[in-house]
PDB file of all heavy atoms in Angstrom:
ATOM      1  N   ALA A   1       8.683 -46.042  -8.827  1.00  0.00           N
ATOM      2  CA  ALA A   1       9.747 -46.573  -8.053  1.00  0.00           C
ATOM      3  C   ALA A   1      10.668 -45.463  -7.630  1.00  0.00           C
ATOM      4  O   ALA A   1      11.315 -45.680  -6.587  1.00  0.00           O
ATOM      5  CB  ALA A   1      10.470 -47.605  -8.989  1.00  0.00           C
ATOM      6  N   LEU A   2      10.843 -44.438  -8.328  1.00  0.00           N
ATOM      7  CA  LEU A   2      11.676 -43.288  -7.848  1.00  0.00           C
ATOM      8  C   LEU A   2      11.062 -42.688  -6.627  1.00  0.00           C
ATOM      9  O   LEU A   2      11.788 -42.335  -5.706  1.00  0.00           O
ATOM     10  CB  LEU A   2      11.758 -42.182  -8.926  1.00  0.00           C
ATOM     11  CG  LEU A   2      12.440 -42.573 -10.207  1.00  0.00           C
ATOM     12  CD1 LEU A   2      12.037 -41.465 -11.341  1.00  0.00           C
ATOM     13  CD2 LEU A   2      13.848 -42.770 -10.126  1.00  0.00           C
ATOM     14  N   ASN A   3       9.817 -42.594  -6.590  1.00  0.00           N
ATOM     15  CA  ASN A   3       9.100 -42.000  -5.373  1.00  0.00           C
ATOM     16  C   ASN A   3       9.249 -42.953  -4.188  1.00  0.00           C
ATOM     17  O   ASN A   3       9.620 -42.494  -2.999  1.00  0.00           O
ATOM     18  CB  ASN A   3       7.641 -41.730  -5.618  1.00  0.00           C
ATOM     19  CG  ASN A   3       7.271 -40.744  -6.603  1.00  0.00           C
ATOM     20  OD1 ASN A   3       8.201 -40.172  -7.138  1.00  0.00           O
ATOM     21  ND2 ASN A   3       6.144 -40.557  -6.984  1.00  0.00           N
ATOM     22  N   VAL A   4       9.132 -44.262  -4.383  1.00  0.00           N
ATOM     23  CA  VAL A   4       9.304 -45.234  -3.251  1.00  0.00           C
ATOM     24  C   VAL A   4      10.758 -45.076  -2.816  1.00  0.00           C
ATOM     25  O   VAL A   4      10.927 -45.183  -1.576  1.00  0.00           O
ATOM     26  CB  VAL A   4       8.985 -46.682  -3.757  1.00  0.00           C
ATOM     27  CG1 VAL A   4       9.334 -47.655  -2.696  1.00  0.00           C
ATOM     28  CG2 VAL A   4       7.463 -46.780  -4.126  1.00  0.00           C
ATOM     29  N   LYS A   5      11.706 -45.115  -3.707  1.00  0.00           N
ATOM     30  CA  LYS A   5      13.195 -44.972  -3.142  1.00  0.00           C
ATOM     31  C   LYS A   5      13.410 -43.682  -2.374  1.00  0.00           C
ATOM     32  O   LYS A   5      13.976 -43.709  -1.346  1.00  0.00           O
ATOM     33  CB  LYS A   5      14.067 -45.136  -4.377  1.00  0.00           C
ATOM     34  CG  LYS A   5      15.494 -45.132  -3.891  1.00  0.00           C
ATOM     35  CD  LYS A   5      16.431 -45.227  -5.110  1.00  0.00           C
ATOM     36  CE  LYS A   5      17.872 -45.258  -4.462  1.00  0.00           C
ATOM     37  NZ  LYS A   5      18.897 -45.357  -5.444  1.00  0.00           N
ATOM     38  N   ALA A   6      12.899 -42.563  -2.961  1.00  0.00           N
ATOM     39  CA  ALA A   6      13.085 -41.351  -2.294  1.00  0.00           C
ATOM     40  C   ALA A   6      12.416 -41.261  -0.940  1.00  0.00           C
ATOM     41  O   ALA A   6      12.998 -40.512  -0.125  1.00  0.00           O
ATOM     42  CB  ALA A   6      12.550 -40.191  -3.219  1.00  0.00           C
ATOM     43  N   ALA A   7      11.355 -41.953  -0.728  1.00  0.00           N
ATOM     44  CA  ALA A   7      10.515 -41.830   0.483  1.00  0.00           C
ATOM     45  C   ALA A   7      10.961 -42.980   1.509  1.00  0.00           C
ATOM     46  O   ALA A   7      10.400 -42.947   2.655  1.00  0.00           O
ATOM     47  CB  ALA A   7       9.086 -41.897   0.216  1.00  0.00           C
ATOM     48  N   ALA A   8      11.815 -43.728   1.183  1.00  0.00           N
ATOM     49  CA  ALA A   8      12.254 -44.848   2.017  1.00  0.00           C
ATOM     50  C   ALA A   8      12.560 -44.501   3.483  1.00  0.00           C
ATOM     51  O   ALA A   8      13.362 -43.662   3.682  1.00  0.00           O
ATOM     52  CB  ALA A   8      13.313 -45.684   1.413  1.00  0.00           C
ATOM     53  N   GLY A   9      11.856 -45.161   4.382  1.00  0.00           N
ATOM     54  CA  GLY A   9      12.222 -44.856   5.803  1.00  0.00           C
ATOM     55  C   GLY A   9      11.579 -43.665   6.423  1.00  0.00           C
ATOM     56  O   GLY A   9      11.832 -43.413   7.597  1.00  0.00           O
ATOM     57  N   ILE A  10      10.810 -42.995   5.685  1.00  0.00           N
ATOM     58  CA  ILE A  10      10.173 -41.653   6.257  1.00  0.00           C
ATOM     59  C   ILE A  10       8.709 -41.959   6.530  1.00  0.00           C
ATOM     60  O   ILE A  10       8.086 -42.410   5.598  1.00  0.00           O
ATOM     61  CB  ILE A  10      10.370 -40.541   5.193  1.00  0.00           C
ATOM     62  CG1 ILE A  10      11.896 -40.264   4.933  1.00  0.00           C
ATOM     63  CG2 ILE A  10       9.634 -39.349   5.730  1.00  0.00           C
ATOM     64  CD1 ILE A  10      12.028 -39.343   3.802  1.00  0.00           C
ATOM     65  N   THR A  11       8.280 -41.601   7.687  1.00  0.00           N
ATOM     66  CA  THR A  11       6.889 -41.798   8.033  1.00  0.00           C
ATOM     67  C   THR A  11       6.110 -40.547   8.136  1.00  0.00           C
ATOM     68  O   THR A  11       4.991 -40.492   8.044  1.00  0.00           O
ATOM     69  CB  THR A  11       6.750 -42.543   9.454  1.00  0.00           C
ATOM     70  OG1 THR A  11       7.462 -41.763  10.381  1.00  0.00           O
ATOM     71  CG2 THR A  11       7.351 -43.933   9.311  1.00  0.00           C
ATOM     72  N   ASP A  12       6.844 -39.410   8.204  1.00  0.00           N
ATOM     73  CA  ASP A  12       6.133 -38.038   8.286  1.00  0.00           C
ATOM     74  C   ASP A  12       5.854 -37.652   6.787  1.00  0.00           C
ATOM     75  O   ASP A  12       6.758 -37.614   6.045  1.00  0.00           O
ATOM     76  CB  ASP A  12       7.038 -36.963   9.050  1.00  0.00           C
ATOM     77  CG  ASP A  12       6.418 -35.679   8.988  1.00  0.00           C
ATOM     78  OD1 ASP A  12       5.412 -35.431   9.807  1.00  0.00           O
ATOM     79  OD2 ASP A  12       6.886 -34.867   8.184  1.00  0.00           O
ATOM     80  N   GLU A  13       4.491 -37.397   6.605  1.00  0.00           N
ATOM     81  CA  GLU A  13       4.235 -37.152   5.191  1.00  0.00           C
ATOM     82  C   GLU A  13       4.838 -35.893   4.616  1.00  0.00           C
ATOM     83  O   GLU A  13       5.283 -35.796   3.442  1.00  0.00           O
ATOM     84  CB  GLU A  13       2.639 -37.058   5.018  1.00  0.00           C
ATOM     85  CG  GLU A  13       2.158 -36.978   3.533  1.00  0.00           C
ATOM     86  CD  GLU A  13       0.858 -37.227   3.301  1.00  0.00           C
ATOM     87  OE1 GLU A  13       0.093 -37.578   4.315  1.00  0.00           O
ATOM     88  OE2 GLU A  13       0.304 -37.101   2.232  1.00  0.00           O
ATOM     89  N   LYS A  14       4.822 -34.773   5.420  1.00  0.00           N
ATOM     90  CA  LYS A  14       5.521 -33.541   4.854  1.00  0.00           C
ATOM     91  C   LYS A  14       6.988 -33.802   4.543  1.00  0.00           C
ATOM     92  O   LYS A  14       7.522 -33.434   3.560  1.00  0.00           O
ATOM     93  CB  LYS A  14       5.321 -32.343   5.858  1.00  0.00           C
ATOM     94  CG  LYS A  14       6.031 -31.109   5.301  1.00  0.00           C
ATOM     95  CD  LYS A  14       5.840 -29.944   6.196  1.00  0.00           C
ATOM     96  CE  LYS A  14       6.427 -28.696   5.760  1.00  0.00           C
ATOM     97  NZ  LYS A  14       7.370 -28.679   4.630  1.00  0.00           N
ATOM     98  N   GLU A  15       7.673 -34.452   5.581  1.00  0.00           N
ATOM     99  CA  GLU A  15       9.144 -34.792   5.270  1.00  0.00           C
ATOM    100  C   GLU A  15       9.247 -35.626   4.080  1.00  0.00           C
ATOM    101  O   GLU A  15      10.201 -35.420   3.231  1.00  0.00           O
ATOM    102  CB  GLU A  15       9.722 -35.508   6.546  1.00  0.00           C
ATOM    103  CG  GLU A  15      11.147 -35.773   6.434  1.00  0.00           C
ATOM    104  CD  GLU A  15      11.727 -36.607   7.559  1.00  0.00           C
ATOM    105  OE1 GLU A  15      10.926 -36.775   8.580  1.00  0.00           O
ATOM    106  OE2 GLU A  15      12.834 -37.067   7.469  1.00  0.00           O
ATOM    107  N   MET A  16       8.361 -36.598   3.795  1.00  0.00           N
ATOM    108  CA  MET A  16       8.372 -37.511   2.686  1.00  0.00           C
ATOM    109  C   MET A  16       8.233 -36.641   1.447  1.00  0.00           C
ATOM    110  O   MET A  16       8.997 -36.800   0.510  1.00  0.00           O
ATOM    111  CB  MET A  16       7.354 -38.519   2.870  1.00  0.00           C
ATOM    112  CG  MET A  16       7.401 -39.509   1.581  1.00  0.00           C
ATOM    113  SD  MET A  16       5.805 -40.397   1.398  1.00  0.00           S
ATOM    114  CE  MET A  16       4.594 -39.117   1.179  1.00  0.00           C
ATOM    115  N   LEU A  17       7.261 -35.841   1.373  1.00  0.00           N
ATOM    116  CA  LEU A  17       7.061 -34.886   0.140  1.00  0.00           C
ATOM    117  C   LEU A  17       8.208 -34.030  -0.063  1.00  0.00           C
ATOM    118  O   LEU A  17       8.538 -33.793  -1.285  1.00  0.00           O
ATOM    119  CB  LEU A  17       5.647 -34.203   0.350  1.00  0.00           C
ATOM    120  CG  LEU A  17       4.403 -35.026   0.250  1.00  0.00           C
ATOM    121  CD1 LEU A  17       3.250 -34.214   0.637  1.00  0.00           C
ATOM    122  CD2 LEU A  17       4.322 -35.793  -1.063  1.00  0.00           C
ATOM    123  N   ASP A  18       8.764 -33.470   0.956  1.00  0.00           N
ATOM    124  CA  ASP A  18       9.977 -32.693   0.698  1.00  0.00           C
ATOM    125  C   ASP A  18      11.141 -33.388   0.171  1.00  0.00           C
ATOM    126  O   ASP A  18      11.770 -32.960  -0.780  1.00  0.00           O
ATOM    127  CB  ASP A  18      10.363 -32.058   2.062  1.00  0.00           C
ATOM    128  CG  ASP A  18       9.383 -30.938   2.584  1.00  0.00           C
ATOM    129  OD1 ASP A  18       8.657 -30.464   1.747  1.00  0.00           O
ATOM    130  OD2 ASP A  18       9.568 -30.520   3.734  1.00  0.00           O
ATOM    131  N   LYS A  19      11.470 -34.661   0.706  1.00  0.00           N
ATOM    132  CA  LYS A  19      12.485 -35.456   0.177  1.00  0.00           C
ATOM    133  C   LYS A  19      12.180 -35.836  -1.277  1.00  0.00           C
ATOM    134  O   LYS A  19      13.112 -35.852  -2.119  1.00  0.00           O
ATOM    135  CB  LYS A  19      12.745 -36.618   1.083  1.00  0.00           C
ATOM    136  CG  LYS A  19      13.771 -37.508   0.579  1.00  0.00           C
ATOM    137  CD  LYS A  19      14.483 -38.232   1.607  1.00  0.00           C
ATOM    138  CE  LYS A  19      15.755 -38.860   1.016  1.00  0.00           C
ATOM    139  NZ  LYS A  19      16.133 -40.095   1.739  1.00  0.00           N
ATOM    140  N   ILE A  20      10.971 -36.248  -1.559  1.00  0.00           N
ATOM    141  CA  ILE A  20      10.557 -36.676  -2.935  1.00  0.00           C
ATOM    142  C   ILE A  20      10.880 -35.479  -3.811  1.00  0.00           C
ATOM    143  O   ILE A  20      11.345 -35.548  -5.009  1.00  0.00           O
ATOM    144  CB  ILE A  20       9.098 -37.132  -3.088  1.00  0.00           C
ATOM    145  CG1 ILE A  20       9.069 -38.513  -2.404  1.00  0.00           C
ATOM    146  CG2 ILE A  20       8.758 -37.142  -4.484  1.00  0.00           C
ATOM    147  CD1 ILE A  20       7.696 -39.035  -2.320  1.00  0.00           C
ATOM    148  N   HIS A  21      10.519 -34.266  -3.375  1.00  0.00           N
ATOM    149  CA  HIS A  21      10.705 -33.078  -4.107  1.00  0.00           C
ATOM    150  C   HIS A  21      12.261 -32.704  -4.468  1.00  0.00           C
ATOM    151  O   HIS A  21      12.523 -32.617  -5.567  1.00  0.00           O
ATOM    152  CB  HIS A  21      10.189 -31.877  -3.346  1.00  0.00           C
ATOM    153  CG  HIS A  21      10.356 -30.590  -4.226  1.00  0.00           C
ATOM    154  ND1 HIS A  21      11.508 -29.772  -4.141  1.00  0.00           N
ATOM    155  CD2 HIS A  21       9.509 -29.778  -4.972  1.00  0.00           C
ATOM    156  CE1 HIS A  21      11.310 -28.772  -4.884  1.00  0.00           C
ATOM    157  NE2 HIS A  21      10.117 -28.745  -5.517  1.00  0.00           N
ATOM    158  N   ASP A  22      12.984 -32.922  -3.392  1.00  0.00           N
ATOM    159  CA  ASP A  22      14.409 -32.768  -3.696  1.00  0.00           C
ATOM    160  C   ASP A  22      14.968 -33.810  -4.599  1.00  0.00           C
ATOM    161  O   ASP A  22      15.855 -33.429  -5.393  1.00  0.00           O
ATOM    162  CB  ASP A  22      15.187 -32.943  -2.330  1.00  0.00           C
ATOM    163  CG  ASP A  22      14.933 -31.810  -1.274  1.00  0.00           C
ATOM    164  OD1 ASP A  22      14.333 -30.615  -1.796  1.00  0.00           O
ATOM    165  OD2 ASP A  22      15.142 -31.995  -0.089  1.00  0.00           O
ATOM    166  N   GLN A  23      14.603 -35.013  -4.562  1.00  0.00           N
ATOM    167  CA  GLN A  23      15.077 -36.042  -5.475  1.00  0.00           C
ATOM    168  C   GLN A  23      14.552 -35.887  -6.908  1.00  0.00           C
ATOM    169  O   GLN A  23      15.238 -36.355  -7.770  1.00  0.00           O
ATOM    170  CB  GLN A  23      14.570 -37.491  -4.936  1.00  0.00           C
ATOM    171  CG  GLN A  23      15.065 -37.820  -3.621  1.00  0.00           C
ATOM    172  CD  GLN A  23      16.560 -38.135  -3.738  1.00  0.00           C
ATOM    173  OE1 GLN A  23      17.065 -38.898  -4.648  1.00  0.00           O
ATOM    174  NE2 GLN A  23      17.256 -37.728  -2.688  1.00  0.00           N
ATOM    175  N   LEU A  24      13.397 -35.257  -7.109  1.00  0.00           N
ATOM    176  CA  LEU A  24      12.793 -35.201  -8.489  1.00  0.00           C
ATOM    177  C   LEU A  24      12.846 -33.876  -9.068  1.00  0.00           C
ATOM    178  O   LEU A  24      12.286 -33.558 -10.076  1.00  0.00           O
ATOM    179  CB  LEU A  24      11.314 -35.627  -8.326  1.00  0.00           C
ATOM    180  CG  LEU A  24      11.157 -37.224  -7.917  1.00  0.00           C
ATOM    181  CD1 LEU A  24       9.597 -37.540  -7.968  1.00  0.00           C
ATOM    182  CD2 LEU A  24      11.977 -38.043  -8.761  1.00  0.00           C
ATOM    183  N   VAL A  25      13.659 -32.906  -8.486  1.00  0.00           N
ATOM    184  CA  VAL A  25      13.785 -31.551  -9.034  1.00  0.00           C
ATOM    185  C   VAL A  25      14.204 -31.588 -10.480  1.00  0.00           C
ATOM    186  O   VAL A  25      15.111 -32.369 -10.891  1.00  0.00           O
ATOM    187  CB  VAL A  25      14.790 -30.637  -8.280  1.00  0.00           C
ATOM    188  CG1 VAL A  25      15.199 -29.498  -8.974  1.00  0.00           C
ATOM    189  CG2 VAL A  25      14.239 -30.343  -6.847  1.00  0.00           C
ATOM    190  N   GLY A  26      13.482 -30.981 -11.314  1.00  0.00           N
ATOM    191  CA  GLY A  26      13.884 -30.822 -12.708  1.00  0.00           C
ATOM    192  C   GLY A  26      13.217 -31.944 -13.586  1.00  0.00           C
ATOM    193  O   GLY A  26      13.478 -31.920 -14.754  1.00  0.00           O
ATOM    194  N   THR A  27      12.492 -32.801 -13.013  1.00  0.00           N
ATOM    195  CA  THR A  27      11.838 -33.855 -13.730  1.00  0.00           C
ATOM    196  C   THR A  27      10.418 -33.520 -14.365  1.00  0.00           C
ATOM    197  O   THR A  27       9.993 -34.127 -15.317  1.00  0.00           O
ATOM    198  CB  THR A  27      11.627 -35.141 -13.049  1.00  0.00           C
ATOM    199  OG1 THR A  27      10.780 -34.978 -11.879  1.00  0.00           O
ATOM    200  CG2 THR A  27      12.984 -35.693 -12.498  1.00  0.00           C
ATOM    201  N   CYS A  28       9.800 -32.482 -13.755  1.00  0.00           N
ATOM    202  CA  CYS A  28       8.447 -31.967 -14.242  1.00  0.00           C
ATOM    203  C   CYS A  28       8.127 -30.730 -13.668  1.00  0.00           C
ATOM    204  O   CYS A  28       8.887 -30.108 -12.832  1.00  0.00           O
ATOM    205  CB  CYS A  28       7.377 -32.969 -14.000  1.00  0.00           C
ATOM    206  SG  CYS A  28       6.976 -33.215 -12.322  1.00  0.00           S
ATOM    207  N   ALA A  29       7.050 -30.074 -14.077  1.00  0.00           N
ATOM    208  CA  ALA A  29       6.717 -28.710 -13.590  1.00  0.00           C
ATOM    209  C   ALA A  29       6.467 -28.699 -12.094  1.00  0.00           C
ATOM    210  O   ALA A  29       6.562 -27.622 -11.509  1.00  0.00           O
ATOM    211  CB  ALA A  29       5.479 -28.225 -14.365  1.00  0.00           C
ATOM    212  N   GLY A  30       6.058 -29.807 -11.473  1.00  0.00           N
ATOM    213  CA  GLY A  30       5.756 -29.886 -10.125  1.00  0.00           C
ATOM    214  C   GLY A  30       6.923 -29.853  -9.226  1.00  0.00           C
ATOM    215  O   GLY A  30       6.979 -29.624  -7.996  1.00  0.00           O
ATOM    216  N   TYR A  31       8.178 -30.035  -9.800  1.00  0.00           N
ATOM    217  CA  TYR A  31       9.381 -30.226  -9.048  1.00  0.00           C
ATOM    218  C   TYR A  31      10.430 -29.302  -9.695  1.00  0.00           C
ATOM    219  O   TYR A  31      11.468 -29.613 -10.317  1.00  0.00           O
ATOM    220  CB  TYR A  31       9.994 -31.602  -9.045  1.00  0.00           C
ATOM    221  CG  TYR A  31       9.007 -32.570  -8.557  1.00  0.00           C
ATOM    222  CD1 TYR A  31       8.316 -33.630  -9.231  1.00  0.00           C
ATOM    223  CD2 TYR A  31       8.657 -32.606  -7.139  1.00  0.00           C
ATOM    224  CE1 TYR A  31       7.453 -34.464  -8.610  1.00  0.00           C
ATOM    225  CE2 TYR A  31       7.819 -33.336  -6.499  1.00  0.00           C
ATOM    226  CZ  TYR A  31       7.261 -34.353  -7.287  1.00  0.00           C
ATOM    227  OH  TYR A  31       6.314 -35.273  -6.651  1.00  0.00           O
ATOM    228  N   VAL A  32      10.159 -28.023  -9.533  1.00  0.00           N
ATOM    229  CA  VAL A  32      11.089 -27.016 -10.105  1.00  0.00           C
ATOM    230  C   VAL A  32      12.325 -26.776  -9.254  1.00  0.00           C
ATOM    231  O   VAL A  32      12.332 -27.119  -8.118  1.00  0.00           O
ATOM    232  CB  VAL A  32      10.274 -25.584 -10.201  1.00  0.00           C
ATOM    233  CG1 VAL A  32       9.177 -25.740 -11.078  1.00  0.00           C
ATOM    234  CG2 VAL A  32       9.769 -25.173  -8.835  1.00  0.00           C
ATOM    235  N   THR A  33      13.345 -26.348  -9.905  1.00  0.00           N
ATOM    236  CA  THR A  33      14.664 -26.075  -9.212  1.00  0.00           C
ATOM    237  C   THR A  33      14.350 -24.971  -8.258  1.00  0.00           C
ATOM    238  O   THR A  33      13.885 -23.902  -8.746  1.00  0.00           O
ATOM    239  CB  THR A  33      15.680 -25.740 -10.256  1.00  0.00           C
ATOM    240  OG1 THR A  33      15.766 -26.806 -11.208  1.00  0.00           O
ATOM    241  CG2 THR A  33      17.081 -25.507  -9.566  1.00  0.00           C
ATOM    242  N   PRO A  34      14.800 -24.950  -6.993  1.00  0.00           N
ATOM    243  CA  PRO A  34      14.628 -23.910  -6.077  1.00  0.00           C
ATOM    244  C   PRO A  34      15.540 -22.749  -6.527  1.00  0.00           C
ATOM    245  O   PRO A  34      16.687 -22.922  -7.041  1.00  0.00           O
ATOM    246  CB  PRO A  34      15.149 -24.389  -4.687  1.00  0.00           C
ATOM    247  CG  PRO A  34      15.454 -25.749  -4.878  1.00  0.00           C
ATOM    248  CD  PRO A  34      15.317 -26.150  -6.426  1.00  0.00           C
ATOM    249  N   VAL A  35      14.918 -21.551  -6.462  1.00  0.00           N
ATOM    250  CA  VAL A  35      15.755 -20.391  -6.734  1.00  0.00           C
ATOM    251  C   VAL A  35      16.358 -19.701  -5.504  1.00  0.00           C
ATOM    252  O   VAL A  35      15.598 -19.675  -4.501  1.00  0.00           O
ATOM    253  CB  VAL A  35      14.918 -19.303  -7.617  1.00  0.00           C
ATOM    254  CG1 VAL A  35      14.641 -19.954  -8.996  1.00  0.00           C
ATOM    255  CG2 VAL A  35      13.672 -18.877  -6.981  1.00  0.00           C
ATOM    256  N   SER A  36      17.453 -19.014  -5.566  1.00  0.00           N
ATOM    257  CA  SER A  36      17.993 -18.324  -4.452  1.00  0.00           C
ATOM    258  C   SER A  36      17.219 -17.012  -4.261  1.00  0.00           C
ATOM    259  O   SER A  36      16.683 -16.530  -5.121  1.00  0.00           O
ATOM    260  CB  SER A  36      19.436 -18.184  -4.534  1.00  0.00           C
ATOM    261  OG  SER A  36      19.739 -17.113  -5.490  1.00  0.00           O
ATOM    262  N   ARG A  37      17.355 -16.482  -3.038  1.00  0.00           N
ATOM    263  CA  ARG A  37      16.751 -15.185  -2.746  1.00  0.00           C
ATOM    264  C   ARG A  37      17.305 -14.110  -3.690  1.00  0.00           C
ATOM    265  O   ARG A  37      16.560 -13.171  -4.163  1.00  0.00           O
ATOM    266  CB  ARG A  37      16.981 -14.799  -1.311  1.00  0.00           C
ATOM    267  CG  ARG A  37      16.041 -13.763  -0.804  1.00  0.00           C
ATOM    268  CD  ARG A  37      16.142 -13.578   0.669  1.00  0.00           C
ATOM    269  NE  ARG A  37      15.171 -14.581   1.209  1.00  0.00           N
ATOM    270  CZ  ARG A  37      15.303 -15.066   2.390  1.00  0.00           C
ATOM    271  NH1 ARG A  37      16.137 -14.757   3.280  1.00  0.00           N
ATOM    272  NH2 ARG A  37      14.559 -16.042   2.912  1.00  0.00           N
ATOM    273  N   ASP A  38      18.588 -14.086  -3.988  1.00  0.00           N
ATOM    274  CA  ASP A  38      19.167 -13.223  -4.908  1.00  0.00           C
ATOM    275  C   ASP A  38      18.667 -13.274  -6.165  1.00  0.00           C
ATOM    276  O   ASP A  38      18.403 -12.243  -7.059  1.00  0.00           O
ATOM    277  CB  ASP A  38      20.797 -13.473  -4.835  1.00  0.00           C
ATOM    278  CG  ASP A  38      21.422 -13.096  -3.602  1.00  0.00           C
ATOM    279  OD1 ASP A  38      20.882 -12.291  -2.897  1.00  0.00           O
ATOM    280  OD2 ASP A  38      22.504 -13.492  -3.472  1.00  0.00           O
ATOM    281  N   GLU A  39      18.330 -14.526  -6.847  1.00  0.00           N
ATOM    282  CA  GLU A  39      17.863 -14.608  -8.045  1.00  0.00           C
ATOM    283  C   GLU A  39      16.292 -14.036  -8.198  1.00  0.00           C
ATOM    284  O   GLU A  39      15.978 -13.409  -9.159  1.00  0.00           O
ATOM    285  CB  GLU A  39      17.810 -16.089  -8.538  1.00  0.00           C
ATOM    286  CG  GLU A  39      19.058 -16.740  -8.787  1.00  0.00           C
ATOM    287  CD  GLU A  39      19.096 -18.174  -9.045  1.00  0.00           C
ATOM    288  OE1 GLU A  39      18.559 -18.913  -8.166  1.00  0.00           O
ATOM    289  OE2 GLU A  39      19.557 -18.621 -10.068  1.00  0.00           O
ATOM    290  N   VAL A  40      15.636 -14.231  -7.097  1.00  0.00           N
ATOM    291  CA  VAL A  40      14.262 -13.624  -6.995  1.00  0.00           C
ATOM    292  C   VAL A  40      14.310 -12.116  -7.074  1.00  0.00           C
ATOM    293  O   VAL A  40      13.620 -11.504  -7.696  1.00  0.00           O
ATOM    294  CB  VAL A  40      13.551 -14.179  -5.781  1.00  0.00           C
ATOM    295  CG1 VAL A  40      12.207 -13.378  -5.629  1.00  0.00           C
ATOM    296  CG2 VAL A  40      13.262 -15.637  -5.780  1.00  0.00           C
TER     297      VAL A  40
END
């Protein structure tokens, strides 16, 4: 249900996966918190 809500209204698959990623950051290993260039 979280995925369905995050992807609502999006038809482009890449855009949908990016939005789902943003919504689910920190929920599992596949959705890691983005790191800044300075941290890297």
